[in-house]
Amino acid sequence: METEMTIKEIESQFDSEWVLIADPNTDENLTVLGGKVLHHSKDRDEVYRKAVSLRPKRSAVIYTGKMPEDTAVVL
């Protein structure tokens, strides 16, 4: 795909999906503001496998949906 998009465009086009972004544009807090969409899927593992196969130099994986309240996020 490799289309440059803003985070708002990504969130509206790929609702409740995992998105692999190459060369992410970030702010000073490293919040993703946009970038080149390489892959997207409802299946997180599929997106991670694609990231391993493509091996982008700089990338981010984001989830565009709402996390359930009982979800723990490990960084």
PDB file of N, CA and C in Angstrom:
ATOM      1  N   MET A   1       0.828  -1.182   0.000  1.00  0.00           N
ATOM      2  CA  MET A   1       0.000   0.000   0.000  1.00  0.00           C
ATOM      3  C   MET A   1       0.879   1.255   0.000  1.00  0.00           C
ATOM      4  N   GLU A   2       1.700   1.452   1.018  1.00  0.00           N
ATOM      5  CA  GLU A   2       2.661   2.552   1.137  1.00  0.00           C
ATOM      6  C   GLU A   2       2.126   3.933   0.774  1.00  0.00           C
ATOM      7  N   THR A   3       1.008   4.294   1.336  1.00  0.00           N
ATOM      8  CA  THR A   3       0.414   5.602   1.107  1.00  0.00           C
ATOM      9  C   THR A   3       0.672   6.488   2.321  1.00  0.00           C
ATOM     10  N   GLU A   4       1.171   7.697   2.108  1.00  0.00           N
ATOM     11  CA  GLU A   4       1.394   8.658   3.196  1.00  0.00           C
ATOM     12  C   GLU A   4       0.037   9.178   3.663  1.00  0.00           C
ATOM     13  N   MET A   5      -0.225   9.044   4.972  1.00  0.00           N
ATOM     14  CA  MET A   5      -1.507   9.455   5.531  1.00  0.00           C
ATOM     15  C   MET A   5      -1.298  10.109   6.890  1.00  0.00           C
ATOM     16  N   THR A   6      -2.245  10.958   7.279  1.00  0.00           N
ATOM     17  CA  THR A   6      -2.235  11.508   8.630  1.00  0.00           C
ATOM     18  C   THR A   6      -2.881  10.488   9.565  1.00  0.00           C
ATOM     19  N   ILE A   7      -2.685  10.671  10.862  1.00  0.00           N
ATOM     20  CA  ILE A   7      -3.280   9.743  11.827  1.00  0.00           C
ATOM     21  C   ILE A   7      -4.804   9.772  11.755  1.00  0.00           C
ATOM     22  N   LYS A   8      -5.392  10.925  11.498  1.00  0.00           N
ATOM     23  CA  LYS A   8      -6.855  11.011  11.376  1.00  0.00           C
ATOM     24  C   LYS A   8      -7.352  10.213  10.167  1.00  0.00           C
ATOM     25  N   GLU A   9      -6.617  10.298   9.047  1.00  0.00           N
ATOM     26  CA  GLU A   9      -6.992   9.523   7.860  1.00  0.00           C
ATOM     27  C   GLU A   9      -6.857   8.028   8.134  1.00  0.00           C
ATOM     28  N   ILE A  10      -5.793   7.641   8.822  1.00  0.00           N
ATOM     29  CA  ILE A  10      -5.573   6.232   9.151  1.00  0.00           C
ATOM     30  C   ILE A  10      -6.702   5.717  10.039  1.00  0.00           C
ATOM     31  N   GLU A  11      -7.028   6.475  11.075  1.00  0.00           N
ATOM     32  CA  GLU A  11      -8.084   6.053  11.999  1.00  0.00           C
ATOM     33  C   GLU A  11      -9.450   5.962  11.329  1.00  0.00           C
ATOM     34  N   SER A  12      -9.741   6.859  10.401  1.00  0.00           N
ATOM     35  CA  SER A  12     -11.050   6.809   9.740  1.00  0.00           C
ATOM     36  C   SER A  12     -11.119   5.709   8.685  1.00  0.00           C
ATOM     37  N   GLN A  13     -10.031   5.441   8.008  1.00  0.00           N
ATOM     38  CA  GLN A  13     -10.047   4.427   6.947  1.00  0.00           C
ATOM     39  C   GLN A  13      -9.897   3.006   7.485  1.00  0.00           C
ATOM     40  N   PHE A  14      -9.170   2.846   8.578  1.00  0.00           N
ATOM     41  CA  PHE A  14      -8.898   1.511   9.120  1.00  0.00           C
ATOM     42  C   PHE A  14      -9.435   1.391  10.543  1.00  0.00           C
ATOM     43  N   ASP A  15     -10.728   1.539  10.704  1.00  0.00           N
ATOM     44  CA  ASP A  15     -11.365   1.528  12.017  1.00  0.00           C
ATOM     45  C   ASP A  15     -11.195   0.165  12.691  1.00  0.00           C
ATOM     46  N   SER A  16     -10.737   0.193  13.927  1.00  0.00           N
ATOM     47  CA  SER A  16     -10.547  -1.011  14.754  1.00  0.00           C
ATOM     48  C   SER A  16      -9.625  -2.029  14.083  1.00  0.00           C
ATOM     49  N   GLU A  17      -8.530  -1.538  13.501  1.00  0.00           N
ATOM     50  CA  GLU A  17      -7.540  -2.408  12.873  1.00  0.00           C
ATOM     51  C   GLU A  17      -6.148  -2.091  13.405  1.00  0.00           C
ATOM     52  N   TRP A  18      -5.249  -3.047  13.242  1.00  0.00           N
ATOM     53  CA  TRP A  18      -3.836  -2.859  13.521  1.00  0.00           C
ATOM     54  C   TRP A  18      -3.198  -2.347  12.241  1.00  0.00           C
ATOM     55  N   VAL A  19      -2.353  -1.332  12.351  1.00  0.00           N
ATOM     56  CA  VAL A  19      -1.775  -0.687  11.171  1.00  0.00           C
ATOM     57  C   VAL A  19      -0.263  -0.589  11.335  1.00  0.00           C
ATOM     58  N   LEU A  20       0.465  -1.054  10.316  1.00  0.00           N
ATOM     59  CA  LEU A  20       1.919  -0.945  10.264  1.00  0.00           C
ATOM     60  C   LEU A  20       2.266   0.314   9.491  1.00  0.00           C
ATOM     61  N   ILE A  21       3.006   1.220  10.128  1.00  0.00           N
ATOM     62  CA  ILE A  21       3.352   2.504   9.533  1.00  0.00           C
ATOM     63  C   ILE A  21       4.866   2.610   9.404  1.00  0.00           C
ATOM     64  N   ALA A  22       5.345   2.890   8.197  1.00  0.00           N
ATOM     65  CA  ALA A  22       6.774   3.096   7.960  1.00  0.00           C
ATOM     66  C   ALA A  22       7.086   4.581   8.063  1.00  0.00           C
ATOM     67  N   ASP A  23       8.295   4.884   8.526  1.00  0.00           N
ATOM     68  CA  ASP A  23       8.748   6.271   8.663  1.00  0.00           C
ATOM     69  C   ASP A  23       7.683   7.136   9.340  1.00  0.00           C
ATOM     70  N   PRO A  24       7.250   6.751  10.541  1.00  0.00           N
ATOM     71  CA  PRO A  24       6.178   7.505  11.195  1.00  0.00           C
ATOM     72  C   PRO A  24       6.594   8.930  11.522  1.00  0.00           C
ATOM     73  N   ASN A  25       5.670   9.854  11.316  1.00  0.00           N
ATOM     74  CA  ASN A  25       5.848  11.229  11.760  1.00  0.00           C
ATOM     75  C   ASN A  25       5.386  11.253  13.208  1.00  0.00           C
ATOM     76  N   THR A  26       6.231  11.773  14.106  1.00  0.00           N
ATOM     77  CA  THR A  26       5.892  11.793  15.522  1.00  0.00           C
ATOM     78  C   THR A  26       6.096  13.186  16.107  1.00  0.00           C
ATOM     79  N   ASP A  27       5.465  13.401  17.264  1.00  0.00           N
ATOM     80  CA  ASP A  27       5.708  14.653  17.978  1.00  0.00           C
ATOM     81  C   ASP A  27       6.814  14.416  19.010  1.00  0.00           C
ATOM     82  N   GLU A  28       7.056  15.399  19.873  1.00  0.00           N
ATOM     83  CA  GLU A  28       8.138  15.291  20.856  1.00  0.00           C
ATOM     84  C   GLU A  28       7.906  14.183  21.877  1.00  0.00           C
ATOM     85  N   ASN A  29       6.657  13.717  22.018  1.00  0.00           N
ATOM     86  CA  ASN A  29       6.332  12.618  22.933  1.00  0.00           C
ATOM     87  C   ASN A  29       6.286  11.271  22.220  1.00  0.00           C
ATOM     88  N   LEU A  30       6.710  11.250  20.960  1.00  0.00           N
ATOM     89  CA  LEU A  30       6.704  10.065  20.094  1.00  0.00           C
ATOM     90  C   LEU A  30       5.296   9.549  19.802  1.00  0.00           C
ATOM     91  N   THR A  31       4.311  10.419  19.887  1.00  0.00           N
ATOM     92  CA  THR A  31       2.957  10.079  19.464  1.00  0.00           C
ATOM     93  C   THR A  31       2.934  10.080  17.945  1.00  0.00           C
ATOM     94  N   VAL A  32       2.413   9.017  17.358  1.00  0.00           N
ATOM     95  CA  VAL A  32       2.380   8.901  15.896  1.00  0.00           C
ATOM     96  C   VAL A  32       1.366   9.885  15.326  1.00  0.00           C
ATOM     97  N   LEU A  33       1.823  10.720  14.385  1.00  0.00           N
ATOM     98  CA  LEU A  33       0.969  11.719  13.732  1.00  0.00           C
ATOM     99  C   LEU A  33       0.603  11.317  12.308  1.00  0.00           C
ATOM    100  N   GLY A  34       1.307  10.333  11.768  1.00  0.00           N
ATOM    101  CA  GLY A  34       1.058   9.876  10.406  1.00  0.00           C
ATOM    102  C   GLY A  34       2.258   9.125   9.879  1.00  0.00           C
ATOM    103  N   GLY A  35       2.204   8.769   8.599  1.00  0.00           N
ATOM    104  CA  GLY A  35       3.300   8.052   7.956  1.00  0.00           C
ATOM    105  C   GLY A  35       2.792   7.245   6.781  1.00  0.00           C
ATOM    106  N   LYS A  36       3.653   6.367   6.289  1.00  0.00           N
ATOM    107  CA  LYS A  36       3.310   5.515   5.142  1.00  0.00           C
ATOM    108  C   LYS A  36       2.699   4.212   5.640  1.00  0.00           C
ATOM    109  N   VAL A  37       1.479   3.947   5.265  1.00  0.00           N
ATOM    110  CA  VAL A  37       0.798   2.717   5.664  1.00  0.00           C
ATOM    111  C   VAL A  37       1.326   1.571   4.800  1.00  0.00           C
ATOM    112  N   LEU A  38       1.951   0.602   5.472  1.00  0.00           N
ATOM    113  CA  LEU A  38       2.484  -0.557   4.756  1.00  0.00           C
ATOM    114  C   LEU A  38       1.518  -1.733   4.754  1.00  0.00           C
ATOM    115  N   HIS A  39       0.770  -1.874   5.853  1.00  0.00           N
ATOM    116  CA  HIS A  39      -0.135  -3.023   5.974  1.00  0.00           C
ATOM    117  C   HIS A  39      -1.148  -2.727   7.074  1.00  0.00           C
ATOM    118  N   HIS A  40      -2.310  -3.348   6.982  1.00  0.00           N
ATOM    119  CA  HIS A  40      -3.339  -3.219   8.023  1.00  0.00           C
ATOM    120  C   HIS A  40      -4.165  -4.482   8.073  1.00  0.00           C
ATOM    121  N   SER A  41      -4.669  -4.794   9.251  1.00  0.00           N
ATOM    122  CA  SER A  41      -5.471  -5.998   9.422  1.00  0.00           C
ATOM    123  C   SER A  41      -6.179  -5.950  10.769  1.00  0.00           C
ATOM    124  N   LYS A  42      -7.257  -6.698  10.884  1.00  0.00           N
ATOM    125  CA  LYS A  42      -7.925  -6.883  12.179  1.00  0.00           C
ATOM    126  C   LYS A  42      -7.092  -7.816  13.065  1.00  0.00           C
ATOM    127  N   ASP A  43      -6.217  -8.599  12.442  1.00  0.00           N
ATOM    128  CA  ASP A  43      -5.381  -9.581  13.141  1.00  0.00           C
ATOM    129  C   ASP A  43      -4.004  -8.981  13.447  1.00  0.00           C
ATOM    130  N   ARG A  44      -3.737  -8.740  14.727  1.00  0.00           N
ATOM    131  CA  ARG A  44      -2.476  -8.137  15.146  1.00  0.00           C
ATOM    132  C   ARG A  44      -1.270  -8.974  14.712  1.00  0.00           C
ATOM    133  N   ASP A  45      -1.367 -10.290  14.869  1.00  0.00           N
ATOM    134  CA  ASP A  45      -0.240 -11.149  14.525  1.00  0.00           C
ATOM    135  C   ASP A  45       0.104 -11.074  13.043  1.00  0.00           C
ATOM    136  N   GLU A  46      -0.898 -10.918  12.199  1.00  0.00           N
ATOM    137  CA  GLU A  46      -0.654 -10.779  10.762  1.00  0.00           C
ATOM    138  C   GLU A  46       0.176  -9.517  10.475  1.00  0.00           C
ATOM    139  N   VAL A  47      -0.149  -8.437  11.166  1.00  0.00           N
ATOM    140  CA  VAL A  47       0.584  -7.180  10.973  1.00  0.00           C
ATOM    141  C   VAL A  47       2.025  -7.333  11.450  1.00  0.00           C
ATOM    142  N   TYR A  48       2.227  -8.007  12.585  1.00  0.00           N
ATOM    143  CA  TYR A  48       3.591  -8.234  13.072  1.00  0.00           C
ATOM    144  C   TYR A  48       4.390  -9.126  12.120  1.00  0.00           C
ATOM    145  N   ARG A  49       3.739 -10.151  11.564  1.00  0.00           N
ATOM    146  CA  ARG A  49       4.435 -11.015  10.588  1.00  0.00           C
ATOM    147  C   ARG A  49       4.843 -10.210   9.356  1.00  0.00           C
ATOM    148  N   LYS A  50       3.970  -9.314   8.912  1.00  0.00           N
ATOM    149  CA  LYS A  50       4.287  -8.468   7.759  1.00  0.00           C
ATOM    150  C   LYS A  50       5.461  -7.555   8.077  1.00  0.00           C
ATOM    151  N   ALA A  51       5.502  -7.016   9.292  1.00  0.00           N
ATOM    152  CA  ALA A  51       6.613  -6.154   9.700  1.00  0.00           C
ATOM    153  C   ALA A  51       7.929  -6.933   9.675  1.00  0.00           C
ATOM    154  N   VAL A  52       7.899  -8.173  10.126  1.00  0.00           N
ATOM    155  CA  VAL A  52       9.105  -9.008  10.113  1.00  0.00           C
ATOM    156  C   VAL A  52       9.540  -9.291   8.683  1.00  0.00           C
ATOM    157  N   SER A  53       8.594  -9.546   7.799  1.00  0.00           N
ATOM    158  CA  SER A  53       8.956  -9.865   6.408  1.00  0.00           C
ATOM    159  C   SER A  53       9.445  -8.632   5.641  1.00  0.00           C
ATOM    160  N   LEU A  54       8.862  -7.455   5.916  1.00  0.00           N
ATOM    161  CA  LEU A  54       9.255  -6.237   5.202  1.00  0.00           C
ATOM    162  C   LEU A  54      10.504  -5.586   5.792  1.00  0.00           C
ATOM    163  N   ARG A  55      10.695  -5.750   7.108  1.00  0.00           N
ATOM    164  CA  ARG A  55      11.841  -5.189   7.828  1.00  0.00           C
ATOM    165  C   ARG A  55      12.069  -3.696   7.560  1.00  0.00           C
ATOM    166  N   PRO A  56      11.054  -2.864   7.787  1.00  0.00           N
ATOM    167  CA  PRO A  56      11.246  -1.422   7.581  1.00  0.00           C
ATOM    168  C   PRO A  56      12.276  -0.879   8.579  1.00  0.00           C
ATOM    169  N   LYS A  57      13.055   0.136   8.157  1.00  0.00           N
ATOM    170  CA  LYS A  57      14.082   0.710   9.035  1.00  0.00           C
ATOM    171  C   LYS A  57      13.451   1.389  10.247  1.00  0.00           C
ATOM    172  N   ARG A  58      12.431   2.202  10.024  1.00  0.00           N
ATOM    173  CA  ARG A  58      11.689   2.869  11.104  1.00  0.00           C
ATOM    174  C   ARG A  58      10.220   2.534  10.919  1.00  0.00           C
ATOM    175  N   SER A  59       9.572   2.089  11.994  1.00  0.00           N
ATOM    176  CA  SER A  59       8.161   1.750  11.861  1.00  0.00           C
ATOM    177  C   SER A  59       7.450   1.876  13.195  1.00  0.00           C
ATOM    178  N   ALA A  60       6.135   1.857  13.113  1.00  0.00           N
ATOM    179  CA  ALA A  60       5.268   1.849  14.285  1.00  0.00           C
ATOM    180  C   ALA A  60       4.074   0.970  13.960  1.00  0.00           C
ATOM    181  N   VAL A  61       3.549   0.328  14.972  1.00  0.00           N
ATOM    182  CA  VAL A  61       2.310  -0.429  14.843  1.00  0.00           C
ATOM    183  C   VAL A  61       1.314   0.212  15.794  1.00  0.00           C
ATOM    184  N   ILE A  62       0.166   0.594  15.254  1.00  0.00           N
ATOM    185  CA  ILE A  62      -0.865   1.213  16.083  1.00  0.00           C
ATOM    186  C   ILE A  62      -2.168   0.440  15.947  1.00  0.00           C
ATOM    187  N   TYR A  63      -3.026   0.588  16.951  1.00  0.00           N
ATOM    188  CA  TYR A  63      -4.369   0.026  16.907  1.00  0.00           C
ATOM    189  C   TYR A  63      -5.335   1.193  16.869  1.00  0.00           C
ATOM    190  N   THR A  64      -6.244   1.198  15.916  1.00  0.00           N
ATOM    191  CA  THR A  64      -7.127   2.346  15.720  1.00  0.00           C
ATOM    192  C   THR A  64      -8.457   2.227  16.452  1.00  0.00           C
ATOM    193  N   GLY A  65      -8.665   1.130  17.148  1.00  0.00           N
ATOM    194  CA  GLY A  65      -9.922   0.957  17.890  1.00  0.00           C
ATOM    195  C   GLY A  65      -9.770   1.368  19.335  1.00  0.00           C
ATOM    196  N   LYS A  66     -10.802   1.102  20.094  1.00  0.00           N
ATOM    197  CA  LYS A  66     -10.794   1.394  21.531  1.00  0.00           C
ATOM    198  C   LYS A  66     -10.415   0.112  22.273  1.00  0.00           C
ATOM    199  N   MET A  67      -9.418   0.221  23.144  1.00  0.00           N
ATOM    200  CA  MET A  67      -8.991  -0.931  23.938  1.00  0.00           C
ATOM    201  C   MET A  67     -10.008  -1.176  25.055  1.00  0.00           C
ATOM    202  N   PRO A  68     -10.333  -2.440  25.315  1.00  0.00           N
ATOM    203  CA  PRO A  68     -11.222  -2.747  26.439  1.00  0.00           C
ATOM    204  C   PRO A  68     -10.610  -2.251  27.753  1.00  0.00           C
ATOM    205  N   GLU A  69     -11.447  -1.918  28.721  1.00  0.00           N
ATOM    206  CA  GLU A  69     -10.975  -1.362  29.985  1.00  0.00           C
ATOM    207  C   GLU A  69     -10.008  -2.278  30.719  1.00  0.00           C
ATOM    208  N   ASP A  70     -10.174  -3.589  30.606  1.00  0.00           N
ATOM    209  CA  ASP A  70      -9.329  -4.526  31.354  1.00  0.00           C
ATOM    210  C   ASP A  70      -8.064  -4.927  30.589  1.00  0.00           C
ATOM    211  N   THR A  71      -7.692  -4.186  29.547  1.00  0.00           N
ATOM    212  CA  THR A  71      -6.512  -4.486  28.753  1.00  0.00           C
ATOM    213  C   THR A  71      -5.270  -3.862  29.369  1.00  0.00           C
ATOM    214  N   ALA A  72      -4.214  -4.659  29.484  1.00  0.00           N
ATOM    215  CA  ALA A  72      -2.928  -4.152  29.955  1.00  0.00           C
ATOM    216  C   ALA A  72      -2.023  -3.978  28.756  1.00  0.00           C
ATOM    217  N   VAL A  73      -1.321  -2.846  28.696  1.00  0.00           N
ATOM    218  CA  VAL A  73      -0.413  -2.566  27.583  1.00  0.00           C
ATOM    219  C   VAL A  73       1.005  -2.602  28.131  1.00  0.00           C
ATOM    220  N   VAL A  74       1.856  -3.434  27.512  1.00  0.00           N
ATOM    221  CA  VAL A  74       3.250  -3.566  27.931  1.00  0.00           C
ATOM    222  C   VAL A  74       4.110  -2.931  26.857  1.00  0.00           C
ATOM    223  N   LEU A  75       4.952  -1.991  27.257  1.00  0.00           N
ATOM    224  CA  LEU A  75       5.840  -1.311  26.300  1.00  0.00           C
ATOM    225  C   LEU A  75       7.242  -1.849  26.405  1.00  0.00           C
TER     226      LEU A  75
END
